[in-house]
Amino acid sequence: MIGSFRHKGLEDLYRTGRTRRLGAAHVRKCVRILQSLEVAELPEEMNLAGLRFHGLQGSPKRWSVRISANYRITFGWSGGNAIEIDLEDYH
């Protein structure tokens, strides 16, 4: 289940379907990832083909899945919920 967002564009997409704050090239993959996060019970369930799921260093623990060569969706996990979901440019 999804608990909270850091990125307002992802939150708009999830809550209303609005895509204004996201690049058009990333919308379909963002929708797929948000749908997967909604049903996941553990962060490891995001280890899906093509997403390059991996844990990030640091505290609190966060995970990352790939949107494109430069962009990742990162998230934390608490009480069975994906929290602080963010869209980040790694480069």
PDB file of N, CA and C in Angstrom:
ATOM      1  N   MET A   1       0.840  -1.180   0.000  1.00  0.00           N
ATOM      2  CA  MET A   1       0.000   0.000   0.000  1.00  0.00           C
ATOM      3  C   MET A   1       0.887   1.245   0.000  1.00  0.00           C
ATOM      4  N   ILE A   2       0.368   2.311  -0.521  1.00  0.00           N
ATOM      5  CA  ILE A   2       1.121   3.560  -0.589  1.00  0.00           C
ATOM      6  C   ILE A   2       0.724   4.450   0.583  1.00  0.00           C
ATOM      7  N   GLY A   3       1.749   4.928   1.316  1.00  0.00           N
ATOM      8  CA  GLY A   3       1.496   5.760   2.481  1.00  0.00           C
ATOM      9  C   GLY A   3       1.684   7.246   2.239  1.00  0.00           C
ATOM     10  N   SER A   4       2.823   7.634   1.629  1.00  0.00           N
ATOM     11  CA  SER A   4       3.097   9.064   1.461  1.00  0.00           C
ATOM     12  C   SER A   4       4.022   9.297   0.268  1.00  0.00           C
ATOM     13  N   PHE A   5       4.064  10.555  -0.168  1.00  0.00           N
ATOM     14  CA  PHE A   5       4.871  10.957  -1.319  1.00  0.00           C
ATOM     15  C   PHE A   5       5.798  12.105  -0.943  1.00  0.00           C
ATOM     16  N   ARG A   6       6.952  12.160  -1.593  1.00  0.00           N
ATOM     17  CA  ARG A   6       7.823  13.336  -1.576  1.00  0.00           C
ATOM     18  C   ARG A   6       7.613  14.148  -2.855  1.00  0.00           C
ATOM     19  N   HIS A   7       7.383  13.456  -3.968  1.00  0.00           N
ATOM     20  CA  HIS A   7       7.268  14.091  -5.278  1.00  0.00           C
ATOM     21  C   HIS A   7       5.803  14.407  -5.579  1.00  0.00           C
ATOM     22  N   LYS A   8       5.486  15.683  -5.736  1.00  0.00           N
ATOM     23  CA  LYS A   8       4.106  16.122  -5.958  1.00  0.00           C
ATOM     24  C   LYS A   8       3.533  15.598  -7.277  1.00  0.00           C
ATOM     25  N   GLY A   9       4.370  15.474  -8.300  1.00  0.00           N
ATOM     26  CA  GLY A   9       3.892  14.955  -9.577  1.00  0.00           C
ATOM     27  C   GLY A   9       3.437  13.512  -9.477  1.00  0.00           C
ATOM     28  N   LEU A  10       4.189  12.681  -8.749  1.00  0.00           N
ATOM     29  CA  LEU A  10       3.778  11.291  -8.546  1.00  0.00           C
ATOM     30  C   LEU A  10       2.501  11.219  -7.716  1.00  0.00           C
ATOM     31  N   GLU A  11       2.395  12.092  -6.725  1.00  0.00           N
ATOM     32  CA  GLU A  11       1.187  12.115  -5.901  1.00  0.00           C
ATOM     33  C   GLU A  11      -0.033  12.504  -6.741  1.00  0.00           C
ATOM     34  N   ASP A  12       0.114  13.512  -7.605  1.00  0.00           N
ATOM     35  CA  ASP A  12      -0.983  13.910  -8.498  1.00  0.00           C
ATOM     36  C   ASP A  12      -1.385  12.758  -9.422  1.00  0.00           C
ATOM     37  N   LEU A  13      -0.393  12.067  -9.978  1.00  0.00           N
ATOM     38  CA  LEU A  13      -0.670  10.940 -10.858  1.00  0.00           C
ATOM     39  C   LEU A  13      -1.440   9.854 -10.110  1.00  0.00           C
ATOM     40  N   TYR A  14      -1.022   9.537  -8.914  1.00  0.00           N
ATOM     41  CA  TYR A  14      -1.650   8.484  -8.114  1.00  0.00           C
ATOM     42  C   TYR A  14      -3.066   8.857  -7.686  1.00  0.00           C
ATOM     43  N   ARG A  15      -3.246  10.081  -7.221  1.00  0.00           N
ATOM     44  CA  ARG A  15      -4.540  10.477  -6.651  1.00  0.00           C
ATOM     45  C   ARG A  15      -5.566  10.925  -7.698  1.00  0.00           C
ATOM     46  N   THR A  16      -5.107  11.597  -8.756  1.00  0.00           N
ATOM     47  CA  THR A  16      -6.054  12.186  -9.717  1.00  0.00           C
ATOM     48  C   THR A  16      -5.826  11.761 -11.163  1.00  0.00           C
ATOM     49  N   GLY A  17      -4.694  11.128 -11.459  1.00  0.00           N
ATOM     50  CA  GLY A  17      -4.384  10.767 -12.837  1.00  0.00           C
ATOM     51  C   GLY A  17      -3.749  11.891 -13.631  1.00  0.00           C
ATOM     52  N   ARG A  18      -3.528  13.043 -13.017  1.00  0.00           N
ATOM     53  CA  ARG A  18      -2.912  14.186 -13.707  1.00  0.00           C
ATOM     54  C   ARG A  18      -1.428  13.922 -13.935  1.00  0.00           C
ATOM     55  N   THR A  19      -0.960  14.264 -15.123  1.00  0.00           N
ATOM     56  CA  THR A  19       0.427  13.982 -15.501  1.00  0.00           C
ATOM     57  C   THR A  19       1.249  15.239 -15.732  1.00  0.00           C
ATOM     58  N   ARG A  20       0.699  16.388 -15.430  1.00  0.00           N
ATOM     59  CA  ARG A  20       1.335  17.664 -15.764  1.00  0.00           C
ATOM     60  C   ARG A  20       2.759  17.792 -15.224  1.00  0.00           C
ATOM     61  N   ARG A  21       3.039  17.292 -14.058  1.00  0.00           N
ATOM     62  CA  ARG A  21       4.353  17.481 -13.430  1.00  0.00           C
ATOM     63  C   ARG A  21       5.348  16.374 -13.754  1.00  0.00           C
ATOM     64  N   LEU A  22       4.987  15.484 -14.680  1.00  0.00           N
ATOM     65  CA  LEU A  22       5.861  14.378 -15.061  1.00  0.00           C
ATOM     66  C   LEU A  22       6.184  14.468 -16.538  1.00  0.00           C
ATOM     67  N   GLY A  23       7.364  13.991 -16.907  1.00  0.00           N
ATOM     68  CA  GLY A  23       7.708  13.929 -18.318  1.00  0.00           C
ATOM     69  C   GLY A  23       6.850  12.887 -19.022  1.00  0.00           C
ATOM     70  N   ALA A  24       6.358  13.218 -20.202  1.00  0.00           N
ATOM     71  CA  ALA A  24       5.463  12.322 -20.941  1.00  0.00           C
ATOM     72  C   ALA A  24       6.091  10.951 -21.179  1.00  0.00           C
ATOM     73  N   ALA A  25       7.397  10.917 -21.361  1.00  0.00           N
ATOM     74  CA  ALA A  25       8.088   9.655 -21.624  1.00  0.00           C
ATOM     75  C   ALA A  25       8.078   8.719 -20.420  1.00  0.00           C
ATOM     76  N   HIS A  26       7.818   9.248 -19.224  1.00  0.00           N
ATOM     77  CA  HIS A  26       7.899   8.439 -18.007  1.00  0.00           C
ATOM     78  C   HIS A  26       6.544   8.030 -17.435  1.00  0.00           C
ATOM     79  N   VAL A  27       5.466   8.569 -17.953  1.00  0.00           N
ATOM     80  CA  VAL A  27       4.150   8.379 -17.327  1.00  0.00           C
ATOM     81  C   VAL A  27       3.750   6.910 -17.265  1.00  0.00           C
ATOM     82  N   ARG A  28       3.845   6.176 -18.374  1.00  0.00           N
ATOM     83  CA  ARG A  28       3.401   4.770 -18.382  1.00  0.00           C
ATOM     84  C   ARG A  28       4.157   3.932 -17.362  1.00  0.00           C
ATOM     85  N   LYS A  29       5.463   4.121 -17.289  1.00  0.00           N
ATOM     86  CA  LYS A  29       6.253   3.329 -16.345  1.00  0.00           C
ATOM     87  C   LYS A  29       5.960   3.754 -14.909  1.00  0.00           C
ATOM     88  N   CYS A  30       5.752   5.038 -14.679  1.00  0.00           N
ATOM     89  CA  CYS A  30       5.389   5.508 -13.334  1.00  0.00           C
ATOM     90  C   CYS A  30       4.068   4.892 -12.887  1.00  0.00           C
ATOM     91  N   VAL A  31       3.090   4.826 -13.784  1.00  0.00           N
ATOM     92  CA  VAL A  31       1.797   4.216 -13.454  1.00  0.00           C
ATOM     93  C   VAL A  31       2.005   2.756 -13.074  1.00  0.00           C
ATOM     94  N   ARG A  32       2.786   2.036 -13.849  1.00  0.00           N
ATOM     95  CA  ARG A  32       3.058   0.618 -13.570  1.00  0.00           C
ATOM     96  C   ARG A  32       3.710   0.439 -12.203  1.00  0.00           C
ATOM     97  N   ILE A  33       4.670   1.280 -11.891  1.00  0.00           N
ATOM     98  CA  ILE A  33       5.371   1.168 -10.611  1.00  0.00           C
ATOM     99  C   ILE A  33       4.446   1.525  -9.455  1.00  0.00           C
ATOM    100  N   LEU A  34       3.660   2.579  -9.594  1.00  0.00           N
ATOM    101  CA  LEU A  34       2.727   2.950  -8.526  1.00  0.00           C
ATOM    102  C   LEU A  34       1.691   1.853  -8.295  1.00  0.00           C
ATOM    103  N   GLN A  35       1.218   1.224  -9.358  1.00  0.00           N
ATOM    104  CA  GLN A  35       0.276   0.111  -9.202  1.00  0.00           C
ATOM    105  C   GLN A  35       0.931  -1.051  -8.465  1.00  0.00           C
ATOM    106  N   SER A  36       2.185  -1.323  -8.767  1.00  0.00           N
ATOM    107  CA  SER A  36       2.908  -2.406  -8.092  1.00  0.00           C
ATOM    108  C   SER A  36       3.154  -2.075  -6.631  1.00  0.00           C
ATOM    109  N   LEU A  37       3.501  -0.822  -6.338  1.00  0.00           N
ATOM    110  CA  LEU A  37       3.699  -0.411  -4.946  1.00  0.00           C
ATOM    111  C   LEU A  37       2.400  -0.518  -4.151  1.00  0.00           C
ATOM    112  N   GLU A  38       1.280  -0.242  -4.789  1.00  0.00           N
ATOM    113  CA  GLU A  38      -0.015  -0.291  -4.116  1.00  0.00           C
ATOM    114  C   GLU A  38      -0.336  -1.689  -3.599  1.00  0.00           C
ATOM    115  N   VAL A  39       0.044  -2.719  -4.326  1.00  0.00           N
ATOM    116  CA  VAL A  39      -0.296  -4.088  -3.924  1.00  0.00           C
ATOM    117  C   VAL A  39       0.836  -4.809  -3.197  1.00  0.00           C
ATOM    118  N   ALA A  40       2.050  -4.259  -3.213  1.00  0.00           N
ATOM    119  CA  ALA A  40       3.193  -4.914  -2.567  1.00  0.00           C
ATOM    120  C   ALA A  40       3.035  -4.931  -1.053  1.00  0.00           C
ATOM    121  N   GLU A  41       3.423  -6.048  -0.456  1.00  0.00           N
ATOM    122  CA  GLU A  41       3.408  -6.172   0.997  1.00  0.00           C
ATOM    123  C   GLU A  41       4.804  -6.068   1.588  1.00  0.00           C
ATOM    124  N   LEU A  42       5.815  -6.246   0.739  1.00  0.00           N
ATOM    125  CA  LEU A  42       7.219  -6.115   1.126  1.00  0.00           C
ATOM    126  C   LEU A  42       7.952  -5.380   0.013  1.00  0.00           C
ATOM    127  N   PRO A  43       9.005  -4.624   0.336  1.00  0.00           N
ATOM    128  CA  PRO A  43       9.728  -3.906  -0.717  1.00  0.00           C
ATOM    129  C   PRO A  43      10.330  -4.843  -1.762  1.00  0.00           C
ATOM    130  N   GLU A  44      10.714  -6.056  -1.359  1.00  0.00           N
ATOM    131  CA  GLU A  44      11.323  -7.008  -2.289  1.00  0.00           C
ATOM    132  C   GLU A  44      10.361  -7.442  -3.398  1.00  0.00           C
ATOM    133  N   GLU A  45       9.078  -7.228  -3.214  1.00  0.00           N
ATOM    134  CA  GLU A  45       8.104  -7.551  -4.255  1.00  0.00           C
ATOM    135  C   GLU A  45       8.215  -6.605  -5.450  1.00  0.00           C
ATOM    136  N   MET A  46       9.012  -5.563  -5.325  1.00  0.00           N
ATOM    137  CA  MET A  46       9.240  -4.639  -6.437  1.00  0.00           C
ATOM    138  C   MET A  46      10.382  -5.109  -7.331  1.00  0.00           C
ATOM    139  N   ASN A  47      10.940  -6.272  -7.043  1.00  0.00           N
ATOM    140  CA  ASN A  47      12.022  -6.834  -7.852  1.00  0.00           C
ATOM    141  C   ASN A  47      11.422  -7.477  -9.105  1.00  0.00           C
ATOM    142  N   LEU A  48      10.874  -6.645  -9.976  1.00  0.00           N
ATOM    143  CA  LEU A  48      10.206  -7.080 -11.200  1.00  0.00           C
ATOM    144  C   LEU A  48      11.138  -6.909 -12.391  1.00  0.00           C
ATOM    145  N   ALA A  49      10.908  -7.680 -13.427  1.00  0.00           N
ATOM    146  CA  ALA A  49      11.743  -7.631 -14.624  1.00  0.00           C
ATOM    147  C   ALA A  49      11.831  -6.210 -15.177  1.00  0.00           C
ATOM    148  N   GLY A  50      13.052  -5.767 -15.443  1.00  0.00           N
ATOM    149  CA  GLY A  50      13.279  -4.474 -16.074  1.00  0.00           C
ATOM    150  C   GLY A  50      13.329  -3.277 -15.151  1.00  0.00           C
ATOM    151  N   LEU A  51      13.043  -3.453 -13.861  1.00  0.00           N
ATOM    152  CA  LEU A  51      13.017  -2.299 -12.955  1.00  0.00           C
ATOM    153  C   LEU A  51      14.334  -2.069 -12.223  1.00  0.00           C
ATOM    154  N   ARG A  52      15.229  -3.036 -12.265  1.00  0.00           N
ATOM    155  CA  ARG A  52      16.533  -2.913 -11.588  1.00  0.00           C
ATOM    156  C   ARG A  52      16.379  -2.484 -10.131  1.00  0.00           C
ATOM    157  N   PHE A  53      15.552  -3.188  -9.421  1.00  0.00           N
ATOM    158  CA  PHE A  53      15.309  -2.948  -7.998  1.00  0.00           C
ATOM    159  C   PHE A  53      16.602  -3.131  -7.212  1.00  0.00           C
ATOM    160  N   HIS A  54      16.879  -2.199  -6.288  1.00  0.00           N
ATOM    161  CA  HIS A  54      18.015  -2.372  -5.378  1.00  0.00           C
ATOM    162  C   HIS A  54      17.846  -1.473  -4.156  1.00  0.00           C
ATOM    163  N   GLY A  55      18.480  -1.883  -3.069  1.00  0.00           N
ATOM    164  CA  GLY A  55      18.486  -1.091  -1.851  1.00  0.00           C
ATOM    165  C   GLY A  55      19.506   0.029  -1.943  1.00  0.00           C
ATOM    166  N   LEU A  56      19.224   1.126  -1.276  1.00  0.00           N
ATOM    167  CA  LEU A  56      20.139   2.264  -1.235  1.00  0.00           C
ATOM    168  C   LEU A  56      20.866   2.282   0.101  1.00  0.00           C
ATOM    169  N   GLN A  57      22.039   2.862   0.111  1.00  0.00           N
ATOM    170  CA  GLN A  57      22.791   2.990   1.356  1.00  0.00           C
ATOM    171  C   GLN A  57      22.216   4.124   2.182  1.00  0.00           C
ATOM    172  N   GLY A  58      22.450   4.039   3.482  1.00  0.00           N
ATOM    173  CA  GLY A  58      22.034   5.118   4.359  1.00  0.00           C
ATOM    174  C   GLY A  58      20.908   4.712   5.284  1.00  0.00           C
ATOM    175  N   SER A  59      20.576   5.637   6.128  1.00  0.00           N
ATOM    176  CA  SER A  59      19.516   5.409   7.094  1.00  0.00           C
ATOM    177  C   SER A  59      18.589   6.618   7.066  1.00  0.00           C
ATOM    178  N   PRO A  60      17.306   6.458   7.038  1.00  0.00           N
ATOM    179  CA  PRO A  60      16.569   5.197   7.049  1.00  0.00           C
ATOM    180  C   PRO A  60      16.691   4.471   5.715  1.00  0.00           C
ATOM    181  N   LYS A  61      16.442   3.172   5.734  1.00  0.00           N
ATOM    182  CA  LYS A  61      16.580   2.328   4.550  1.00  0.00           C
ATOM    183  C   LYS A  61      15.589   2.745   3.468  1.00  0.00           C
ATOM    184  N   ARG A  62      16.107   2.846   2.227  1.00  0.00           N
ATOM    185  CA  ARG A  62      15.277   3.182   1.065  1.00  0.00           C
ATOM    186  C   ARG A  62      15.633   2.240  -0.077  1.00  0.00           C
ATOM    187  N   TRP A  63      14.733   2.144  -1.053  1.00  0.00           N
ATOM    188  CA  TRP A  63      14.929   1.298  -2.219  1.00  0.00           C
ATOM    189  C   TRP A  63      14.716   2.117  -3.479  1.00  0.00           C
ATOM    190  N   SER A  64      15.162   1.559  -4.608  1.00  0.00           N
ATOM    191  CA  SER A  64      15.086   2.266  -5.879  1.00  0.00           C
ATOM    192  C   SER A  64      14.645   1.309  -6.984  1.00  0.00           C
ATOM    193  N   VAL A  65      13.832   1.829  -7.917  1.00  0.00           N
ATOM    194  CA  VAL A  65      13.501   1.118  -9.149  1.00  0.00           C
ATOM    195  C   VAL A  65      13.710   2.081 -10.317  1.00  0.00           C
ATOM    196  N   ARG A  66      14.087   1.528 -11.450  1.00  0.00           N
ATOM    197  CA  ARG A  66      14.493   2.326 -12.604  1.00  0.00           C
ATOM    198  C   ARG A  66      13.306   2.752 -13.460  1.00  0.00           C
ATOM    199  N   ILE A  67      13.293   4.034 -13.821  1.00  0.00           N
ATOM    200  CA  ILE A  67      12.334   4.572 -14.790  1.00  0.00           C
ATOM    201  C   ILE A  67      12.999   4.665 -16.162  1.00  0.00           C
ATOM    202  N   SER A  68      14.203   5.236 -16.187  1.00  0.00           N
ATOM    203  CA  SER A  68      14.971   5.383 -17.425  1.00  0.00           C
ATOM    204  C   SER A  68      16.449   5.407 -17.050  1.00  0.00           C
ATOM    205  N   ALA A  69      17.293   5.709 -18.020  1.00  0.00           N
ATOM    206  CA  ALA A  69      18.728   5.740 -17.750  1.00  0.00           C
ATOM    207  C   ALA A  69      19.076   6.688 -16.602  1.00  0.00           C
ATOM    208  N   ASN A  70      18.389   7.810 -16.501  1.00  0.00           N
ATOM    209  CA  ASN A  70      18.706   8.799 -15.473  1.00  0.00           C
ATOM    210  C   ASN A  70      17.733   8.836 -14.306  1.00  0.00           C
ATOM    211  N   TYR A  71      16.511   8.401 -14.489  1.00  0.00           N
ATOM    212  CA  TYR A  71      15.479   8.592 -13.464  1.00  0.00           C
ATOM    213  C   TYR A  71      15.147   7.312 -12.710  1.00  0.00           C
ATOM    214  N   ARG A  72      14.914   7.485 -11.401  1.00  0.00           N
ATOM    215  CA  ARG A  72      14.538   6.385 -10.514  1.00  0.00           C
ATOM    216  C   ARG A  72      13.378   6.824  -9.633  1.00  0.00           C
ATOM    217  N   ILE A  73      12.531   5.872  -9.280  1.00  0.00           N
ATOM    218  CA  ILE A  73      11.575   6.083  -8.200  1.00  0.00           C
ATOM    219  C   ILE A  73      12.196   5.462  -6.967  1.00  0.00           C
ATOM    220  N   THR A  74      12.314   6.258  -5.912  1.00  0.00           N
ATOM    221  CA  THR A  74      12.860   5.771  -4.650  1.00  0.00           C
ATOM    222  C   THR A  74      11.750   5.799  -3.607  1.00  0.00           C
ATOM    223  N   PHE A  75      11.873   4.917  -2.625  1.00  0.00           N
ATOM    224  CA  PHE A  75      10.839   4.826  -1.596  1.00  0.00           C
ATOM    225  C   PHE A  75      11.387   4.178  -0.339  1.00  0.00           C
ATOM    226  N   GLY A  76      10.763   4.509   0.778  1.00  0.00           N
ATOM    227  CA  GLY A  76      11.023   3.850   2.044  1.00  0.00           C
ATOM    228  C   GLY A  76       9.908   2.852   2.308  1.00  0.00           C
ATOM    229  N   TRP A  77      10.008   2.151   3.447  1.00  0.00           N
ATOM    230  CA  TRP A  77       8.988   1.159   3.778  1.00  0.00           C
ATOM    231  C   TRP A  77       8.733   1.195   5.269  1.00  0.00           C
ATOM    232  N   SER A  78       7.475   1.233   5.651  1.00  0.00           N
ATOM    233  CA  SER A  78       7.118   1.250   7.069  1.00  0.00           C
ATOM    234  C   SER A  78       5.743   0.625   7.259  1.00  0.00           C
ATOM    235  N   GLY A  79       5.667  -0.365   8.128  1.00  0.00           N
ATOM    236  CA  GLY A  79       4.389  -0.975   8.462  1.00  0.00           C
ATOM    237  C   GLY A  79       3.617  -1.523   7.276  1.00  0.00           C
ATOM    238  N   GLY A  80       4.311  -2.083   6.301  1.00  0.00           N
ATOM    239  CA  GLY A  80       3.646  -2.638   5.128  1.00  0.00           C
ATOM    240  C   GLY A  80       3.269  -1.622   4.073  1.00  0.00           C
ATOM    241  N   ASN A  81       3.729  -0.377   4.228  1.00  0.00           N
ATOM    242  CA  ASN A  81       3.412   0.697   3.280  1.00  0.00           C
ATOM    243  C   ASN A  81       4.669   1.280   2.652  1.00  0.00           C
ATOM    244  N   ALA A  82       4.581   1.591   1.360  1.00  0.00           N
ATOM    245  CA  ALA A  82       5.627   2.366   0.699  1.00  0.00           C
ATOM    246  C   ALA A  82       5.446   3.815   1.136  1.00  0.00           C
ATOM    247  N   ILE A  83       6.524   4.436   1.608  1.00  0.00           N
ATOM    248  CA  ILE A  83       6.431   5.810   2.106  1.00  0.00           C
ATOM    249  C   ILE A  83       7.455   6.699   1.413  1.00  0.00           C
ATOM    250  N   GLU A  84       7.191   7.994   1.456  1.00  0.00           N
ATOM    251  CA  GLU A  84       8.104   9.006   0.917  1.00  0.00           C
ATOM    252  C   GLU A  84       8.563   8.650  -0.494  1.00  0.00           C
ATOM    253  N   ILE A  85       7.597   8.357  -1.365  1.00  0.00           N
ATOM    254  CA  ILE A  85       7.887   7.973  -2.745  1.00  0.00           C
ATOM    255  C   ILE A  85       8.351   9.213  -3.504  1.00  0.00           C
ATOM    256  N   ASP A  86       9.485   9.066  -4.197  1.00  0.00           N
ATOM    257  CA  ASP A  86      10.105  10.213  -4.859  1.00  0.00           C
ATOM    258  C   ASP A  86      10.553   9.828  -6.263  1.00  0.00           C
ATOM    259  N   LEU A  87      10.606  10.792  -7.160  1.00  0.00           N
ATOM    260  CA  LEU A  87      11.167  10.638  -8.497  1.00  0.00           C
ATOM    261  C   LEU A  87      12.456  11.435  -8.513  1.00  0.00           C
ATOM    262  N   GLU A  88      13.573  10.748  -8.757  1.00  0.00           N
ATOM    263  CA  GLU A  88      14.879  11.400  -8.670  1.00  0.00           C
ATOM    264  C   GLU A  88      15.662  11.257  -9.964  1.00  0.00           C
ATOM    265  N   ASP A  89      16.410  12.300 -10.296  1.00  0.00           N
ATOM    266  CA  ASP A  89      17.350  12.282 -11.408  1.00  0.00           C
ATOM    267  C   ASP A  89      18.704  11.927 -10.824  1.00  0.00           C
ATOM    268  N   TYR A  90      19.202  10.740 -11.129  1.00  0.00           N
ATOM    269  CA  TYR A  90      20.457  10.262 -10.546  1.00  0.00           C
ATOM    270  C   TYR A  90      21.688  10.957 -11.114  1.00  0.00           C
ATOM    271  N   HIS A  91      21.574  11.587 -12.287  1.00  0.00           N
ATOM    272  CA  HIS A  91      22.788  12.124 -12.917  1.00  0.00           C
ATOM    273  C   HIS A  91      22.685  13.602 -13.153  1.00  0.00           C
TER     274      HIS A  91
END
